[in-house]
Amino acid sequence: MKAAVFADYTGLTVAKMTELRRKLKEQNAEIKVVKKTLLDLVFKKQGWEKIEPKKMSGQLALVIGYEDEVAPSKVVYNFSKTSEHLKILGGILNNVFIDSETIVSLAKLPGRQELLARAVGSISAPLSGLVNVLQGNLRDLVYVLAQIKK
């Protein structure tokens, strides 16, 4: 698990839950409906006493991301904008509990692919500028030689 998001799914229909599962599967993530008591036992066993699932409101779902740290929060946040029945309660990132505001701010970050594309673009920009400058000199040389030939 790279990241996890806790959500209250009270009032969410089966069709909406299936749609959410499908979207999460595309991002290599999944949603599990969990009992708060069992989750509390797991957290105590892991040494995460600060996380108290029993104090979270509503029916609890755990969204788990396996590849990308931001993908589960992004999918849940985007889905919660279209469905008022899904509410973000918090999450776990790097074995630390984070609140719902932090989850929302993570969801608003650009995706991994977009960040990689930006990095490649910023690396290649100076190189392409250098190529253009060097080609400019060659173009000028060809232009001068063409004028001498005439």
Protein backbone atom coordinates (compact mmCIF):
# COMPACT_ATOMS: atom_id res chain seq x y z
CA MET A 1 0.00 0.00 0.00
CA LYS A 2 1.37 3.40 -1.00
CA ALA A 3 -1.53 5.44 0.36
CA ALA A 4 -5.00 5.00 1.85
CA VAL A 5 -8.02 7.27 2.06
CA PHE A 6 -10.88 6.97 4.55
CA ALA A 7 -14.30 7.91 3.23
CA ASP A 8 -17.85 7.98 4.55
CA TYR A 9 -20.06 6.34 1.92
CA THR A 10 -23.40 6.64 3.76
CA GLY A 11 -26.21 6.95 1.21
CA LEU A 12 -24.10 5.92 -1.79
CA THR A 13 -26.06 3.67 -4.14
CA VAL A 14 -24.78 0.32 -5.38
CA ALA A 15 -24.50 1.71 -8.93
CA LYS A 16 -22.38 4.65 -7.73
CA MET A 17 -20.22 2.34 -5.61
CA THR A 18 -19.66 0.10 -8.64
CA GLU A 19 -18.71 3.13 -10.72
CA LEU A 20 -16.23 4.21 -8.04
CA ARG A 21 -14.74 0.71 -7.90
CA ARG A 22 -14.28 0.77 -11.69
CA LYS A 23 -12.52 4.14 -11.59
CA LEU A 24 -10.26 3.00 -8.77
CA LYS A 25 -9.37 -0.22 -10.59
CA GLU A 26 -8.13 1.85 -13.56
CA GLN A 27 -5.67 3.55 -11.19
CA ASN A 28 -4.57 0.25 -9.56
CA ALA A 29 -6.47 1.04 -6.38
CA GLU A 30 -9.41 -0.55 -4.62
CA ILE A 31 -12.10 0.26 -2.09
CA LYS A 32 -12.96 -1.93 0.87
CA VAL A 33 -15.89 -1.50 3.19
CA VAL A 34 -14.51 -2.00 6.70
CA LYS A 35 -15.85 -2.35 10.19
CA LYS A 36 -14.50 0.31 12.51
CA THR A 37 -13.81 -2.19 15.32
CA LEU A 38 -11.68 -4.43 13.10
CA LEU A 39 -9.85 -1.45 11.63
CA ASP A 40 -9.17 -0.19 15.15
CA LEU A 41 -7.62 -3.56 16.07
CA VAL A 42 -5.42 -3.52 12.95
CA PHE A 43 -4.22 0.01 13.68
CA LYS A 44 -3.36 -0.85 17.27
CA LYS A 45 -1.42 -3.88 16.05
CA GLN A 46 0.48 -1.66 13.56
CA GLY A 47 1.26 0.87 16.29
CA TRP A 48 -1.00 3.60 14.90
CA GLU A 49 -2.83 4.49 18.12
CA LYS A 50 -3.39 8.10 16.95
CA ILE A 51 -5.82 6.93 14.27
CA GLU A 52 -9.22 6.26 15.83
CA PRO A 53 -11.68 4.82 13.31
CA LYS A 54 -14.45 4.64 15.90
CA LYS A 55 -14.52 8.44 16.05
CA MET A 56 -14.99 8.75 12.27
CA SER A 57 -18.55 9.49 11.25
CA GLY A 58 -20.78 7.32 9.06
CA GLN A 59 -20.07 4.06 7.28
CA LEU A 60 -16.37 3.66 6.66
CA ALA A 61 -14.72 2.71 3.38
CA LEU A 62 -10.99 2.35 2.94
CA VAL A 63 -9.54 3.25 -0.47
CA ILE A 64 -6.11 1.69 -0.97
CA GLY A 65 -3.62 2.76 -3.64
CA TYR A 66 -0.91 0.32 -4.64
CA GLU A 67 1.21 2.21 -7.20
CA ASP A 68 0.66 5.96 -6.91
CA GLU A 69 0.42 7.89 -3.66
CA VAL A 70 -1.85 10.56 -5.12
CA ALA A 71 -4.17 8.44 -7.30
CA PRO A 72 -6.57 7.23 -4.57
CA SER A 73 -7.08 10.71 -3.18
CA LYS A 74 -7.53 12.15 -6.68
CA VAL A 75 -10.18 9.56 -7.66
CA VAL A 76 -12.09 9.87 -4.37
CA TYR A 77 -11.98 13.67 -4.47
CA ASN A 78 -13.18 13.85 -8.08
CA PHE A 79 -15.92 11.33 -7.33
CA SER A 80 -17.00 13.21 -4.20
CA LYS A 81 -17.51 16.35 -6.32
CA THR A 82 -20.17 14.52 -8.34
CA SER A 83 -21.69 12.55 -5.46
CA GLU A 84 -22.63 14.36 -2.26
CA HIS A 85 -22.88 11.02 -0.40
CA LEU A 86 -19.13 10.37 -0.45
CA LYS A 87 -17.17 12.35 2.12
CA ILE A 88 -13.42 12.26 2.65
CA LEU A 89 -12.50 11.72 6.31
CA GLY A 90 -8.72 11.42 6.19
CA GLY A 91 -6.01 9.05 5.06
CA ILE A 92 -2.64 7.46 5.56
CA LEU A 93 0.48 8.49 3.66
CA ASN A 94 3.97 7.23 4.56
CA ASN A 95 2.52 5.54 7.67
CA VAL A 96 1.25 8.89 8.98
CA PHE A 97 -2.40 9.86 9.38
CA ILE A 98 -3.37 12.96 7.39
CA ASP A 99 -6.61 14.93 7.62
CA SER A 100 -9.21 15.47 4.92
CA GLU A 101 -7.86 18.93 3.97
CA THR A 102 -4.47 17.40 3.20
CA ILE A 103 -6.12 14.67 1.13
CA VAL A 104 -7.97 17.33 -0.89
CA SER A 105 -4.76 19.30 -1.44
CA LEU A 106 -3.01 16.10 -2.60
CA ALA A 107 -5.88 15.44 -5.00
CA LYS A 108 -5.45 18.87 -6.54
CA LEU A 109 -1.79 18.21 -7.37
CA PRO A 110 -0.95 17.29 -10.97
CA GLY A 111 -0.68 13.58 -11.69
CA ARG A 112 2.54 11.62 -11.81
CA GLN A 113 2.59 11.47 -15.61
CA GLU A 114 2.04 15.23 -15.89
CA LEU A 115 4.85 15.95 -13.42
CA LEU A 116 7.21 13.66 -15.35
CA ALA A 117 6.26 15.39 -18.60
CA ARG A 118 6.97 18.79 -17.04
CA ALA A 119 10.37 17.58 -15.82
CA VAL A 120 11.30 16.24 -19.25
CA GLY A 121 10.09 19.47 -20.87
CA SER A 122 12.17 21.64 -18.56
CA ILE A 123 15.23 19.50 -19.19
CA SER A 124 14.79 19.49 -22.97
CA ALA A 125 14.03 23.23 -23.33
CA PRO A 126 17.63 24.45 -22.97
CA LEU A 127 18.87 21.68 -25.26
CA SER A 128 16.41 22.56 -28.00
CA GLY A 129 17.41 26.23 -27.66
CA LEU A 130 21.06 25.26 -28.13
CA VAL A 131 20.19 23.21 -31.21
CA ASN A 132 18.30 26.17 -32.69
CA VAL A 133 21.26 28.49 -32.09
CA LEU A 134 23.69 26.06 -33.69
CA GLN A 135 21.36 25.51 -36.64
CA GLY A 136 21.08 29.27 -37.06
CA ASN A 137 24.81 29.55 -37.72
CA LEU A 138 24.68 26.76 -40.28
CA ARG A 139 21.67 28.37 -41.98
CA ASP A 140 23.52 31.67 -42.18
CA LEU A 141 26.57 29.96 -43.64
CA VAL A 142 24.45 28.27 -46.31
CA TYR A 143 22.73 31.59 -47.06
CA VAL A 144 26.10 33.38 -47.45
CA LEU A 145 27.47 30.62 -49.70
CA ALA A 146 24.31 30.79 -51.84
CA GLN A 147 24.75 34.57 -52.20
CA ILE A 148 28.44 34.15 -53.16
CA LYS A 149 27.44 31.58 -55.79
CA LYS A 150 25.00 34.05 -57.38
